[in-house]
C-alpha cells in the first residue's frame, strides 16, 4: 500500500489533514490509512494520528521534496 500509487488514498489523507476537525471518509480508505498508522478514529470519523502528520502531509511542497530525496 502506497500513497503515491493510490490516488484515492492520497486524496483521502489530504482531506483529513486539511481539516481542523475529524472528517468522514470512505470506510475502506479510513481503515487503510489507520493500518498505515496515519489516522485514528473518532467515532465514525478520522483525524491525523498526530499533529506532525498534518504538517508533513498537508504541505505538498515539503512532501514532494522529501519524497524526491527518499526516492
N, C-alpha and C. Protein backbone atom coordinates (compact mmCIF):
# COMPACT_ATOMS: atom_id res chain seq x y z
N UNK A 1 0.85 -1.17 0.00
CA UNK A 1 0.00 0.00 0.00
C UNK A 1 0.90 1.24 0.00
N UNK A 2 0.63 2.16 -0.93
CA UNK A 2 1.48 3.31 -1.09
C UNK A 2 0.63 4.52 -1.46
N UNK A 3 0.81 5.62 -0.75
CA UNK A 3 0.04 6.82 -1.04
C UNK A 3 0.31 7.36 -2.44
N UNK A 4 1.54 7.24 -2.88
CA UNK A 4 1.91 7.77 -4.19
C UNK A 4 1.24 7.00 -5.32
N UNK A 5 0.92 5.75 -5.08
CA UNK A 5 0.36 4.90 -6.13
C UNK A 5 -1.15 4.81 -6.07
N UNK A 6 -1.77 5.30 -5.02
CA UNK A 6 -3.22 5.19 -4.84
C UNK A 6 -3.80 6.59 -4.72
N UNK A 7 -4.34 7.09 -5.82
CA UNK A 7 -4.86 8.46 -5.84
C UNK A 7 -5.99 8.69 -4.85
N UNK A 8 -6.87 7.70 -4.70
CA UNK A 8 -7.99 7.85 -3.77
C UNK A 8 -7.49 7.92 -2.33
N UNK A 9 -6.52 7.10 -2.00
CA UNK A 9 -5.96 7.08 -0.65
C UNK A 9 -5.24 8.40 -0.36
N UNK A 10 -4.49 8.88 -1.33
CA UNK A 10 -3.78 10.15 -1.18
C UNK A 10 -4.77 11.30 -1.01
N UNK A 11 -5.82 11.31 -1.80
CA UNK A 11 -6.83 12.37 -1.70
C UNK A 11 -7.55 12.32 -0.35
N UNK A 12 -7.81 11.11 0.14
CA UNK A 12 -8.47 10.98 1.45
C UNK A 12 -7.58 11.53 2.56
N UNK A 13 -6.28 11.22 2.50
CA UNK A 13 -5.37 11.73 3.53
C UNK A 13 -5.28 13.25 3.45
N UNK A 14 -5.24 13.80 2.25
CA UNK A 14 -5.20 15.25 2.10
C UNK A 14 -6.44 15.90 2.72
N UNK A 15 -7.59 15.26 2.53
CA UNK A 15 -8.83 15.77 3.11
C UNK A 15 -8.75 15.74 4.64
N UNK A 16 -8.21 14.68 5.18
CA UNK A 16 -8.10 14.54 6.63
C UNK A 16 -7.17 15.60 7.22
N UNK A 17 -5.99 15.76 6.63
CA UNK A 17 -5.03 16.69 7.22
C UNK A 17 -5.40 18.15 6.98
N UNK A 18 -6.26 18.42 6.01
CA UNK A 18 -6.67 19.80 5.73
C UNK A 18 -7.74 20.29 6.70
N UNK A 19 -8.37 19.39 7.42
CA UNK A 19 -9.47 19.76 8.30
C UNK A 19 -9.02 19.86 9.75
N UNK A 20 -9.45 20.92 10.44
CA UNK A 20 -9.13 21.03 11.86
C UNK A 20 -10.01 20.12 12.72
N UNK A 21 -11.05 19.55 12.13
CA UNK A 21 -11.97 18.66 12.83
C UNK A 21 -11.88 17.25 12.22
N UNK A 22 -12.26 16.22 12.98
CA UNK A 22 -12.33 14.88 12.39
C UNK A 22 -13.29 14.89 11.19
N UNK A 23 -12.97 14.12 10.17
CA UNK A 23 -13.79 14.08 8.96
C UNK A 23 -14.22 12.65 8.65
N UNK A 24 -15.29 12.53 7.91
CA UNK A 24 -15.79 11.23 7.49
C UNK A 24 -15.33 10.98 6.06
N UNK A 25 -14.62 9.89 5.87
CA UNK A 25 -14.18 9.48 4.54
C UNK A 25 -14.68 8.06 4.31
N UNK A 26 -14.52 7.59 3.10
CA UNK A 26 -14.95 6.23 2.74
C UNK A 26 -14.34 5.24 3.75
N UNK A 27 -15.16 4.33 4.23
CA UNK A 27 -14.75 3.41 5.29
C UNK A 27 -13.49 2.62 4.93
N UNK A 28 -13.45 2.09 3.72
CA UNK A 28 -12.28 1.31 3.30
C UNK A 28 -11.00 2.13 3.31
N UNK A 29 -11.10 3.37 2.88
CA UNK A 29 -9.92 4.25 2.88
C UNK A 29 -9.51 4.58 4.31
N UNK A 30 -10.50 4.80 5.17
CA UNK A 30 -10.19 5.10 6.58
C UNK A 30 -9.43 3.95 7.22
N UNK A 31 -9.86 2.72 6.97
CA UNK A 31 -9.18 1.58 7.56
C UNK A 31 -7.78 1.39 6.98
N UNK A 32 -7.61 1.66 5.70
CA UNK A 32 -6.27 1.58 5.10
C UNK A 32 -5.34 2.60 5.72
N UNK A 33 -5.82 3.84 5.88
CA UNK A 33 -4.99 4.88 6.48
C UNK A 33 -4.66 4.53 7.93
N UNK A 34 -5.62 3.95 8.64
CA UNK A 34 -5.36 3.55 10.02
C UNK A 34 -4.34 2.43 10.06
N UNK A 35 -4.44 1.47 9.14
CA UNK A 35 -3.48 0.37 9.14
C UNK A 35 -2.07 0.84 8.80
N UNK A 36 -1.98 1.99 8.13
CA UNK A 36 -0.67 2.59 7.82
C UNK A 36 -0.16 3.43 8.98
N UNK A 37 -0.99 3.59 10.02
CA UNK A 37 -0.58 4.37 11.19
C UNK A 37 -0.68 5.86 10.99
N UNK A 38 -1.53 6.31 10.05
CA UNK A 38 -1.61 7.73 9.73
C UNK A 38 -2.79 8.44 10.37
N UNK A 39 -3.86 7.70 10.67
CA UNK A 39 -5.05 8.32 11.25
C UNK A 39 -5.55 7.50 12.43
N UNK A 40 -6.40 8.15 13.21
CA UNK A 40 -7.11 7.44 14.28
C UNK A 40 -8.58 7.78 14.15
N UNK A 41 -9.40 6.87 14.65
CA UNK A 41 -10.85 7.06 14.58
C UNK A 41 -11.34 7.89 15.76
N UNK A 42 -12.32 8.74 15.47
CA UNK A 42 -13.10 9.46 16.46
C UNK A 42 -14.55 9.13 16.12
N UNK A 43 -15.07 8.08 16.70
CA UNK A 43 -16.39 7.59 16.28
C UNK A 43 -16.28 7.04 14.87
N UNK A 44 -17.09 7.55 13.95
CA UNK A 44 -17.03 7.13 12.54
C UNK A 44 -16.14 8.02 11.70
N UNK A 45 -15.58 9.05 12.30
CA UNK A 45 -14.72 9.98 11.59
C UNK A 45 -13.26 9.66 11.88
N UNK A 46 -12.37 10.27 11.09
CA UNK A 46 -10.94 10.08 11.31
C UNK A 46 -10.25 11.43 11.43
N UNK A 47 -9.10 11.39 12.08
CA UNK A 47 -8.24 12.57 12.19
C UNK A 47 -6.79 12.09 12.18
N UNK A 48 -5.85 12.97 11.87
CA UNK A 48 -4.45 12.54 11.84
C UNK A 48 -4.05 11.94 13.19
N UNK A 49 -3.22 10.94 13.15
CA UNK A 49 -2.76 10.30 14.37
C UNK A 49 -1.98 11.28 15.24
N UNK A 50 -1.23 12.17 14.60
CA UNK A 50 -0.51 13.19 15.36
C UNK A 50 -0.41 14.47 14.53
N UNK A 51 -0.15 15.58 15.20
CA UNK A 51 -0.09 16.87 14.53
C UNK A 51 1.02 16.95 13.49
N UNK A 52 2.08 16.23 13.70
CA UNK A 52 3.19 16.24 12.75
C UNK A 52 2.74 15.76 11.37
N UNK A 53 1.83 14.79 11.33
CA UNK A 53 1.33 14.30 10.05
C UNK A 53 0.56 15.39 9.31
N UNK A 54 -0.15 16.23 10.04
CA UNK A 54 -0.86 17.33 9.39
C UNK A 54 0.12 18.28 8.72
N UNK A 55 1.22 18.54 9.39
CA UNK A 55 2.23 19.43 8.81
C UNK A 55 2.92 18.78 7.62
N UNK A 56 3.33 17.54 7.78
CA UNK A 56 4.07 16.85 6.75
C UNK A 56 3.22 16.57 5.51
N UNK A 57 2.07 15.97 5.71
CA UNK A 57 1.23 15.59 4.57
C UNK A 57 0.39 16.74 4.04
N UNK A 58 0.24 17.79 4.80
CA UNK A 58 -0.57 18.91 4.36
C UNK A 58 0.16 19.85 3.42
N UNK A 59 1.46 19.87 3.47
CA UNK A 59 2.26 20.77 2.65
C UNK A 59 2.85 19.99 1.48
N UNK A 60 2.27 20.14 0.31
CA UNK A 60 2.71 19.34 -0.84
C UNK A 60 4.13 19.67 -1.27
N UNK A 61 4.59 20.89 -1.07
CA UNK A 61 5.97 21.22 -1.43
C UNK A 61 6.95 20.47 -0.54
N UNK A 62 6.66 20.42 0.75
CA UNK A 62 7.52 19.67 1.68
C UNK A 62 7.48 18.20 1.32
N UNK A 63 6.29 17.68 1.07
CA UNK A 63 6.13 16.26 0.75
C UNK A 63 6.89 15.91 -0.53
N UNK A 64 6.75 16.72 -1.56
CA UNK A 64 7.40 16.46 -2.84
C UNK A 64 8.93 16.45 -2.66
N UNK A 65 9.44 17.39 -1.91
CA UNK A 65 10.88 17.49 -1.67
C UNK A 65 11.39 16.26 -0.92
N UNK A 66 10.69 15.86 0.13
CA UNK A 66 11.12 14.72 0.92
C UNK A 66 11.02 13.43 0.13
N UNK A 67 9.93 13.24 -0.64
CA UNK A 67 9.78 12.01 -1.42
C UNK A 67 10.87 11.95 -2.48
N UNK A 68 11.24 13.11 -3.04
CA UNK A 68 12.30 13.14 -4.06
C UNK A 68 13.62 12.70 -3.42
N UNK A 69 13.89 13.20 -2.22
CA UNK A 69 15.14 12.85 -1.54
C UNK A 69 15.15 11.38 -1.11
N UNK A 70 14.01 10.86 -0.67
CA UNK A 70 13.94 9.48 -0.20
C UNK A 70 13.85 8.49 -1.35
N UNK A 71 13.32 8.95 -2.48
CA UNK A 71 13.11 8.06 -3.62
C UNK A 71 14.34 7.89 -4.39
